Protein backbone atom coordinates (compact mmCIF):
# COMPACT_ATOMS: atom_id res chain seq x y z
CA MET A 1 -5.13 -6.25 -13.96
CA ASP A 2 -7.22 -8.71 -12.29
CA TYR A 3 -8.20 -6.98 -9.15
CA PHE A 4 -7.75 -3.18 -9.32
CA THR A 5 -9.62 -0.65 -11.66
CA PRO A 6 -10.32 3.12 -11.53
CA GLN A 7 -13.88 2.44 -11.15
CA GLY A 8 -13.41 0.05 -8.21
CA ASP A 9 -10.56 1.55 -6.52
CA PRO A 10 -10.94 5.29 -6.08
CA ALA A 11 -8.01 5.63 -3.58
CA ILE A 12 -5.56 4.65 -6.27
CA ASP A 13 -4.40 7.68 -8.59
CA PHE A 14 -4.33 5.57 -11.73
CA THR A 15 -2.46 8.67 -13.26
CA LYS A 16 0.40 8.60 -10.71
CA VAL A 17 0.70 4.92 -9.74
CA ASP A 18 3.54 2.93 -10.24
CA GLN A 19 2.75 0.30 -12.44
CA ASN A 20 5.12 -2.37 -11.46
CA ALA A 21 3.95 -1.78 -7.76
CA LEU A 22 0.38 -2.06 -8.78
CA ALA A 23 1.33 -5.32 -10.58
CA MET A 24 2.90 -6.63 -7.32
CA LEU A 25 -0.17 -5.46 -5.51
CA ASN A 26 -2.29 -7.38 -7.96
CA THR A 27 -0.24 -10.57 -7.30
CA ALA A 28 -0.46 -10.02 -3.57
CA ARG A 29 -4.30 -9.84 -3.60
CA GLY A 30 -4.62 -12.97 -5.69
CA ASN A 31 -2.28 -14.83 -3.14
CA ALA A 32 -4.10 -13.56 -0.18
CA LYS A 33 -7.42 -14.48 -1.43
CA ILE A 34 -9.21 -11.92 0.50
CA PRO A 35 -10.36 -8.62 -0.81
CA PHE A 36 -7.75 -5.72 -0.67
CA VAL A 37 -9.57 -2.21 0.40
CA ILE A 38 -6.91 0.51 -0.68
CA THR A 39 -7.57 3.72 1.12
CA SER A 40 -4.64 5.63 0.33
CA ASN A 41 -2.04 5.68 -2.60
CA TYR A 42 -0.51 8.98 -3.89
CA ARG A 43 -0.88 12.10 -1.78
CA SER A 44 0.45 15.73 -2.24
CA PRO A 45 3.13 16.52 0.14
CA GLU A 46 0.74 18.81 2.09
CA HIS A 47 -2.05 16.19 2.25
CA SER A 48 0.46 13.52 3.45
CA GLU A 49 1.47 15.77 6.21
CA GLU A 50 -2.13 16.44 6.98
CA VAL A 51 -2.80 13.05 7.61
CA GLY A 52 0.08 12.15 9.75
CA GLY A 53 2.70 11.31 7.08
CA SER A 54 5.59 13.61 5.88
CA LYS A 55 6.09 15.77 2.97
CA THR A 56 8.71 13.26 1.61
CA ASP A 57 7.33 10.05 2.46
CA ALA A 58 6.55 7.25 -0.10
CA HIS A 59 3.23 8.32 -0.79
CA THR A 60 4.32 11.52 -2.30
CA ASP A 61 6.46 9.89 -4.92
CA ASN A 62 5.35 10.14 -8.57
CA PRO A 63 5.07 7.57 -9.73
CA CYS A 64 3.77 6.23 -6.50
CA SER A 65 4.56 2.69 -5.19
CA ALA A 66 2.89 3.21 -1.89
CA PHE A 67 -0.37 1.69 -0.69
CA ASP A 68 -2.41 1.62 2.55
CA ILE A 69 -4.62 -1.79 2.96
CA LEU A 70 -7.55 -1.61 5.46
CA CYS A 71 -7.50 -4.80 7.79
CA ALA A 72 -10.51 -6.27 9.13
CA GLY A 73 -8.58 -7.95 11.88
CA ASP A 74 -5.27 -9.89 12.85
CA GLU A 75 -5.88 -12.77 10.48
CA ASP A 76 -6.45 -10.55 7.53
CA ARG A 77 -3.52 -8.54 8.52
CA ALA A 78 -1.22 -11.69 8.44
CA LYS A 79 -2.79 -12.64 5.03
CA ILE A 80 -1.92 -9.24 3.53
CA ILE A 81 1.41 -8.97 5.02
CA GLY A 82 2.63 -12.40 3.87
CA ALA A 83 1.19 -12.15 0.44
CA CYS A 84 2.78 -8.49 -0.12
CA TRP A 85 6.27 -9.94 1.03
CA ALA A 86 5.77 -12.83 -1.44
CA ALA A 87 4.82 -10.55 -4.02
CA GLY A 88 8.08 -8.50 -3.73
CA PHE A 89 7.37 -5.72 -1.29
CA ARG A 90 10.06 -5.06 1.05
CA ARG A 91 8.79 -2.01 3.05
CA ILE A 92 5.61 -2.83 5.13
CA GLY A 93 4.24 -0.73 7.86
CA ILE A 94 1.53 -1.94 10.40
CA ASN A 95 -0.65 0.85 11.75
CA VAL A 96 -2.67 -1.02 14.75
CA LYS A 97 -4.31 2.26 15.46
CA ASN A 98 -6.15 2.78 12.19
CA GLY A 99 -6.26 -0.91 11.23
CA HIS A 100 -4.02 -0.46 8.11
CA VAL A 101 -1.17 -2.19 6.59
CA HIS A 102 1.27 0.10 4.47
CA VAL A 103 3.25 -1.39 1.64
CA ASP A 104 5.61 0.29 -0.86
CA ASP A 105 8.27 -0.30 -3.43
CA SER A 106 10.11 2.88 -3.12
CA ASN A 107 13.71 3.56 -3.10
CA ARG A 108 13.90 4.10 0.49
CA PRO A 109 15.97 1.88 2.70
CA SER A 110 14.66 -1.82 2.66
CA PRO A 111 13.80 -4.36 3.93
CA ALA A 112 12.22 -2.34 6.53
CA ILE A 113 9.20 -3.26 8.60
CA TRP A 114 7.75 -1.11 11.23
CA ILE A 115 4.69 -1.00 13.55
CA GLU A 116 2.92 2.50 14.50
């Protein structure tokens, strides 16, 4: 793993992360050539609902393939989305309000792209 470690990425639950999705994220980070600040990975169903998700969203899967990535602006958002798509993520959500991009490799319907 080139970019993500338990010490450097406390928002990733390395005990519950889907290793294939983490490898995809690592590839995306390398291709984007900008830092990825991960703000969320696995969440309990209750916590997911508290922060505006649902008790059954991709963040609640174990192993978890969902990541929320903080964006500095439109240019970084475009780089993140393009790199994640190229790495194989087919579920991408853009949260304009909180400045995040959500990606996951769950078994939910895909491809799926949404804007919140």
